[in-house]
N, C-alpha and C. Protein backbone atom coordinates (compact mmCIF):
# COMPACT_ATOMS: atom_id res chain seq x y z
N MET A 1 0.86 -1.17 0.00
CA MET A 1 0.00 0.00 0.00
C MET A 1 0.91 1.24 0.00
N THR A 2 0.62 2.19 -0.88
CA THR A 2 1.45 3.39 -0.96
C THR A 2 1.11 4.35 0.18
N ASN A 3 1.94 5.36 0.35
CA ASN A 3 1.70 6.34 1.42
C ASN A 3 0.38 7.07 1.22
N LYS A 4 0.07 7.42 -0.06
CA LYS A 4 -1.20 8.12 -0.33
C LYS A 4 -2.38 7.23 0.03
N THR A 5 -2.30 5.96 -0.37
CA THR A 5 -3.39 5.05 -0.06
C THR A 5 -3.52 4.88 1.44
N GLN A 6 -2.38 4.74 2.14
CA GLN A 6 -2.40 4.57 3.59
C GLN A 6 -3.02 5.79 4.25
N SER A 7 -2.72 6.98 3.74
CA SER A 7 -3.32 8.20 4.29
C SER A 7 -4.83 8.19 4.14
N LEU A 8 -5.31 7.77 2.97
CA LEU A 8 -6.75 7.69 2.75
C LEU A 8 -7.39 6.64 3.66
N VAL A 9 -6.70 5.52 3.82
CA VAL A 9 -7.20 4.47 4.71
C VAL A 9 -7.29 4.99 6.14
N ASN A 10 -6.30 5.75 6.57
CA ASN A 10 -6.31 6.31 7.92
C ASN A 10 -7.49 7.26 8.12
N VAL A 11 -7.81 8.05 7.09
CA VAL A 11 -8.97 8.95 7.16
C VAL A 11 -10.25 8.13 7.31
N ILE A 12 -10.36 7.07 6.50
CA ILE A 12 -11.56 6.21 6.59
C ILE A 12 -11.65 5.57 7.97
N LYS A 13 -10.52 5.11 8.50
CA LYS A 13 -10.51 4.51 9.84
C LYS A 13 -10.93 5.53 10.90
N GLY A 14 -10.45 6.76 10.76
CA GLY A 14 -10.82 7.81 11.71
C GLY A 14 -12.30 8.09 11.69
N ILE A 15 -12.85 8.19 10.50
CA ILE A 15 -14.30 8.43 10.37
C ILE A 15 -15.08 7.25 10.95
N THR A 16 -14.61 6.04 10.66
CA THR A 16 -15.28 4.85 11.18
C THR A 16 -15.24 4.83 12.71
N ALA A 17 -14.09 5.19 13.29
CA ALA A 17 -13.96 5.23 14.75
C ALA A 17 -14.96 6.21 15.35
N GLU A 18 -15.13 7.36 14.69
CA GLU A 18 -16.09 8.35 15.18
C GLU A 18 -17.52 7.81 15.09
N LEU A 19 -17.80 7.10 13.99
CA LEU A 19 -19.14 6.52 13.83
C LEU A 19 -19.39 5.44 14.89
N ILE A 20 -18.37 4.64 15.18
CA ILE A 20 -18.52 3.59 16.20
C ILE A 20 -18.78 4.22 17.57
N THR A 21 -18.11 5.33 17.85
CA THR A 21 -18.33 6.03 19.12
C THR A 21 -19.77 6.55 19.18
N ALA A 22 -20.23 7.07 18.06
CA ALA A 22 -21.59 7.62 18.03
C ALA A 22 -22.66 6.53 18.01
N PHE A 23 -22.34 5.39 17.38
CA PHE A 23 -23.31 4.30 17.24
C PHE A 23 -22.66 2.98 17.65
N PRO A 24 -22.42 2.78 18.94
CA PRO A 24 -21.71 1.57 19.40
C PRO A 24 -22.41 0.26 19.05
N ASP A 25 -23.72 0.29 18.93
CA ASP A 25 -24.45 -0.94 18.58
C ASP A 25 -24.15 -1.40 17.15
N GLU A 26 -23.63 -0.51 16.34
CA GLU A 26 -23.34 -0.82 14.93
C GLU A 26 -21.86 -1.14 14.69
N LYS A 27 -21.11 -1.38 15.76
CA LYS A 27 -19.66 -1.56 15.66
C LYS A 27 -19.27 -2.64 14.64
N ASP A 28 -19.84 -3.85 14.75
CA ASP A 28 -19.48 -4.94 13.84
C ASP A 28 -19.78 -4.59 12.38
N SER A 29 -20.94 -4.01 12.17
CA SER A 29 -21.33 -3.63 10.82
C SER A 29 -20.39 -2.56 10.27
N LEU A 30 -20.07 -1.58 11.08
CA LEU A 30 -19.19 -0.50 10.64
C LEU A 30 -17.77 -1.00 10.34
N GLN A 31 -17.27 -1.93 11.16
CA GLN A 31 -15.94 -2.47 10.91
C GLN A 31 -15.92 -3.29 9.62
N GLY A 32 -16.98 -4.03 9.37
CA GLY A 32 -17.08 -4.79 8.11
C GLY A 32 -17.11 -3.86 6.91
N ARG A 33 -17.83 -2.77 7.04
CA ARG A 33 -17.90 -1.80 5.96
C ARG A 33 -16.55 -1.12 5.75
N LEU A 34 -15.83 -0.90 6.85
CA LEU A 34 -14.50 -0.31 6.75
C LEU A 34 -13.59 -1.20 5.91
N GLU A 35 -13.58 -2.50 6.20
CA GLU A 35 -12.73 -3.43 5.44
C GLU A 35 -13.09 -3.40 3.96
N LYS A 36 -14.39 -3.42 3.65
CA LYS A 36 -14.82 -3.37 2.25
C LYS A 36 -14.42 -2.05 1.59
N ALA A 37 -14.56 -0.95 2.34
CA ALA A 37 -14.21 0.37 1.79
C ALA A 37 -12.73 0.46 1.49
N VAL A 38 -11.90 -0.05 2.40
CA VAL A 38 -10.45 0.00 2.20
C VAL A 38 -10.07 -0.84 0.99
N TYR A 39 -10.61 -2.05 0.90
CA TYR A 39 -10.31 -2.93 -0.23
C TYR A 39 -10.79 -2.29 -1.53
N GLY A 40 -12.01 -1.75 -1.51
CA GLY A 40 -12.57 -1.12 -2.71
C GLY A 40 -11.77 0.10 -3.12
N LEU A 41 -11.31 0.88 -2.15
CA LEU A 41 -10.53 2.07 -2.45
C LEU A 41 -9.22 1.69 -3.14
N GLU A 42 -8.53 0.72 -2.59
CA GLU A 42 -7.25 0.31 -3.16
C GLU A 42 -7.45 -0.24 -4.57
N GLU A 43 -8.47 -1.09 -4.76
CA GLU A 43 -8.75 -1.63 -6.09
C GLU A 43 -9.07 -0.52 -7.09
N HIS A 44 -9.87 0.46 -6.66
CA HIS A 44 -10.22 1.57 -7.54
C HIS A 44 -8.97 2.36 -7.93
N LEU A 45 -8.10 2.63 -6.97
CA LEU A 45 -6.89 3.40 -7.26
C LEU A 45 -5.96 2.64 -8.20
N ILE A 46 -5.89 1.32 -8.05
CA ILE A 46 -5.07 0.51 -8.95
C ILE A 46 -5.68 0.50 -10.35
N GLU A 47 -6.98 0.24 -10.45
CA GLU A 47 -7.65 0.19 -11.76
C GLU A 47 -7.58 1.54 -12.47
N SER A 48 -7.63 2.62 -11.71
CA SER A 48 -7.56 3.96 -12.29
C SER A 48 -6.12 4.37 -12.58
N GLU A 49 -5.19 3.48 -12.27
CA GLU A 49 -3.76 3.71 -12.47
C GLU A 49 -3.24 4.90 -11.69
N ILE A 50 -3.92 5.20 -10.57
CA ILE A 50 -3.44 6.25 -9.67
C ILE A 50 -2.27 5.70 -8.87
N ILE A 51 -2.37 4.43 -8.49
CA ILE A 51 -1.22 3.76 -7.88
C ILE A 51 -0.90 2.53 -8.72
N PRO A 52 0.37 2.17 -8.83
CA PRO A 52 0.74 1.03 -9.68
C PRO A 52 0.37 -0.29 -9.03
N LYS A 53 0.10 -1.28 -9.89
CA LYS A 53 -0.13 -2.63 -9.39
C LYS A 53 1.18 -3.16 -8.86
N GLN A 54 1.10 -3.88 -7.78
CA GLN A 54 2.29 -4.51 -7.22
C GLN A 54 2.40 -5.90 -7.84
N PRO A 55 3.54 -6.20 -8.45
CA PRO A 55 3.67 -7.52 -9.08
C PRO A 55 3.69 -8.62 -8.02
N LYS A 56 3.20 -9.76 -8.41
CA LYS A 56 3.22 -10.93 -7.53
C LYS A 56 4.33 -11.84 -8.02
N PHE A 57 5.31 -12.01 -7.17
CA PHE A 57 6.48 -12.80 -7.54
C PHE A 57 6.27 -14.26 -7.18
N PRO A 58 6.89 -15.17 -7.90
CA PRO A 58 7.75 -14.93 -9.06
C PRO A 58 6.92 -14.58 -10.30
N ILE A 59 7.55 -13.81 -11.19
CA ILE A 59 6.92 -13.39 -12.44
C ILE A 59 7.51 -14.21 -13.57
N LYS A 60 6.65 -14.68 -14.45
CA LYS A 60 7.13 -15.44 -15.61
C LYS A 60 7.33 -14.47 -16.78
N ALA A 61 8.39 -14.72 -17.55
CA ALA A 61 8.70 -13.87 -18.69
C ALA A 61 9.27 -14.73 -19.82
N VAL A 62 9.19 -14.19 -21.02
CA VAL A 62 9.78 -14.84 -22.19
C VAL A 62 10.88 -13.93 -22.70
N VAL A 63 12.06 -14.48 -22.89
CA VAL A 63 13.18 -13.72 -23.44
C VAL A 63 13.72 -14.47 -24.65
N TYR A 64 14.40 -13.74 -25.53
CA TYR A 64 14.97 -14.33 -26.73
C TYR A 64 16.47 -14.06 -26.78
N LEU A 65 17.21 -15.08 -27.13
CA LEU A 65 18.65 -14.95 -27.35
C LEU A 65 18.91 -15.16 -28.84
N HIS A 66 19.87 -14.45 -29.36
CA HIS A 66 20.18 -14.54 -30.79
C HIS A 66 21.67 -14.79 -30.99
N SER A 67 21.98 -15.59 -31.99
CA SER A 67 23.37 -15.74 -32.41
C SER A 67 23.45 -15.25 -33.85
N SER A 68 24.63 -14.88 -34.27
CA SER A 68 24.77 -14.43 -35.66
C SER A 68 25.07 -15.63 -36.56
N LYS A 69 24.61 -15.53 -37.80
CA LYS A 69 24.89 -16.59 -38.76
C LYS A 69 26.40 -16.73 -38.96
N GLU A 70 27.09 -15.62 -38.95
CA GLU A 70 28.53 -15.63 -39.18
C GLU A 70 29.27 -16.40 -38.08
N SER A 71 28.90 -16.13 -36.81
CA SER A 71 29.60 -16.83 -35.73
C SER A 71 29.28 -18.32 -35.74
N MET A 72 28.05 -18.68 -36.06
CA MET A 72 27.70 -20.10 -36.12
C MET A 72 28.38 -20.77 -37.31
N TYR A 73 28.54 -20.04 -38.40
CA TYR A 73 29.26 -20.57 -39.56
C TYR A 73 30.71 -20.87 -39.16
N ASP A 74 31.33 -19.93 -38.45
CA ASP A 74 32.71 -20.12 -37.99
C ASP A 74 32.82 -21.31 -37.05
N ILE A 75 31.85 -21.46 -36.15
CA ILE A 75 31.86 -22.61 -35.23
C ILE A 75 31.73 -23.91 -36.03
N GLY A 76 30.82 -23.90 -37.01
CA GLY A 76 30.64 -25.09 -37.86
C GLY A 76 31.90 -25.45 -38.62
N GLU A 77 32.59 -24.43 -39.12
CA GLU A 77 33.87 -24.69 -39.80
C GLU A 77 34.87 -25.32 -38.84
N GLY A 78 34.90 -24.79 -37.62
CA GLY A 78 35.80 -25.34 -36.60
C GLY A 78 35.46 -26.78 -36.26
N LEU A 79 34.20 -27.13 -36.38
CA LEU A 79 33.78 -28.51 -36.12
C LEU A 79 34.07 -29.42 -37.31
N GLY A 80 34.44 -28.83 -38.44
CA GLY A 80 34.76 -29.62 -39.63
C GLY A 80 33.56 -29.99 -40.47
N LEU A 81 32.47 -29.21 -40.36
CA LEU A 81 31.28 -29.51 -41.16
C LEU A 81 31.54 -29.19 -42.63
N PRO A 82 31.00 -30.03 -43.54
CA PRO A 82 31.14 -29.73 -44.98
C PRO A 82 30.28 -28.52 -45.35
N GLU A 83 30.52 -27.94 -46.50
CA GLU A 83 29.86 -26.71 -46.95
C GLU A 83 28.33 -26.82 -46.91
N GLU A 84 27.79 -27.93 -47.37
CA GLU A 84 26.32 -28.11 -47.38
C GLU A 84 25.76 -28.08 -45.96
N ALA A 85 26.45 -28.71 -45.04
CA ALA A 85 26.01 -28.73 -43.65
C ALA A 85 26.16 -27.35 -43.02
N LEU A 86 27.21 -26.62 -43.40
CA LEU A 86 27.42 -25.26 -42.87
C LEU A 86 26.27 -24.34 -43.23
N SER A 87 25.72 -24.50 -44.44
CA SER A 87 24.62 -23.63 -44.88
C SER A 87 23.36 -23.84 -44.03
N LYS A 88 23.23 -25.00 -43.40
CA LYS A 88 22.11 -25.26 -42.48
C LYS A 88 22.49 -24.88 -41.04
N PHE A 89 23.72 -25.27 -40.64
CA PHE A 89 24.15 -25.07 -39.25
C PHE A 89 24.26 -23.59 -38.89
N MET A 90 24.52 -22.73 -39.88
CA MET A 90 24.69 -21.31 -39.55
C MET A 90 23.43 -20.68 -38.98
N TYR A 91 22.28 -21.35 -39.12
CA TYR A 91 21.03 -20.84 -38.53
C TYR A 91 20.76 -21.41 -37.14
N CYS A 92 21.68 -22.26 -36.67
CA CYS A 92 21.52 -22.84 -35.33
C CYS A 92 21.52 -21.72 -34.29
N CYS A 93 20.57 -21.75 -33.39
CA CYS A 93 20.46 -20.77 -32.30
C CYS A 93 20.29 -19.34 -32.81
N TYR A 94 19.77 -19.19 -34.03
CA TYR A 94 19.55 -17.85 -34.58
C TYR A 94 18.58 -17.08 -33.70
N GLU A 95 17.54 -17.77 -33.22
CA GLU A 95 16.61 -17.17 -32.26
C GLU A 95 16.15 -18.26 -31.30
N VAL A 96 16.54 -18.12 -30.04
CA VAL A 96 16.19 -19.11 -29.03
C VAL A 96 15.22 -18.46 -28.03
N LYS A 97 14.09 -19.10 -27.86
CA LYS A 97 13.06 -18.61 -26.93
C LYS A 97 13.29 -19.28 -25.58
N ILE A 98 13.35 -18.46 -24.51
CA ILE A 98 13.58 -19.00 -23.18
C ILE A 98 12.48 -18.49 -22.24
N ASN A 99 11.83 -19.41 -21.57
CA ASN A 99 10.83 -19.06 -20.55
C ASN A 99 11.54 -19.04 -19.20
N ILE A 100 11.41 -17.91 -18.50
CA ILE A 100 12.08 -17.78 -17.21
C ILE A 100 11.08 -17.38 -16.13
N GLU A 101 11.50 -17.57 -14.89
CA GLU A 101 10.73 -17.15 -13.72
C GLU A 101 11.65 -16.23 -12.92
N VAL A 102 11.20 -14.99 -12.67
CA VAL A 102 12.03 -13.99 -12.01
C VAL A 102 11.50 -13.74 -10.60
N ASN A 103 12.42 -13.75 -9.65
CA ASN A 103 12.08 -13.48 -8.25
C ASN A 103 12.27 -12.00 -7.94
N GLU A 104 11.68 -11.57 -6.85
CA GLU A 104 11.73 -10.17 -6.44
C GLU A 104 13.16 -9.66 -6.27
N ASP A 105 14.07 -10.54 -5.86
CA ASP A 105 15.46 -10.12 -5.64
C ASP A 105 16.30 -10.14 -6.92
N GLY A 106 15.66 -10.44 -8.07
CA GLY A 106 16.36 -10.44 -9.34
C GLY A 106 16.93 -11.78 -9.75
N THR A 107 16.88 -12.75 -8.86
CA THR A 107 17.33 -14.08 -9.25
C THR A 107 16.29 -14.67 -10.19
N TYR A 108 16.72 -15.64 -10.97
CA TYR A 108 15.80 -16.21 -11.97
C TYR A 108 16.07 -17.70 -12.13
N LYS A 109 15.10 -18.35 -12.75
CA LYS A 109 15.21 -19.77 -13.05
C LYS A 109 14.74 -19.97 -14.49
N ILE A 110 15.51 -20.72 -15.27
CA ILE A 110 15.11 -21.04 -16.63
C ILE A 110 14.13 -22.20 -16.55
N LEU A 111 12.94 -21.99 -17.11
CA LEU A 111 11.90 -23.03 -17.07
C LEU A 111 12.05 -23.98 -18.25
N ASN A 112 12.21 -23.42 -19.45
CA ASN A 112 12.44 -24.24 -20.64
C ASN A 112 12.90 -23.33 -21.78
N CYS A 113 13.37 -23.95 -22.83
CA CYS A 113 13.79 -23.16 -23.99
C CYS A 113 13.59 -23.97 -25.26
N GLY A 114 13.56 -23.27 -26.36
CA GLY A 114 13.40 -23.90 -27.68
C GLY A 114 13.61 -22.87 -28.75
N GLU A 115 13.74 -23.36 -29.97
CA GLU A 115 13.93 -22.43 -31.10
C GLU A 115 12.60 -22.08 -31.72
C-alpha cells in the first residue's frame, strides 16, 4: 500500500472510529464496511492507475537470445562440417526462446527453452 493510499485508509478509519463512538451498537457492521471500503478504495486506485499494481512474484517472462549466422558458420567450420552442412548449421540458435521465472530479488530460473 502506498503512502497516499495509507493516508486515505487512515482517514476512513478515523471516520469509522467516530461513527462507532456515536453508534456503538453498529460496531461490527461499521468495521465490516471499513474493510470493504479499504479494499474497494485500493482496487479503484489501482484500476484507475493512480497507484501502480504490485507484481506478484515470481513473475514469468519470455526472453529471446540470438546468435549471428557468421559466428555459427565459424563454429561449424571449426567442427569440420562440410559446406552443405554449414549452410544449415549457420542458422543454429539464430533465435532461441527462453521461458524464465524472475524473483523479487532479481534471481531467476530457466523453465524451458526452444527455437
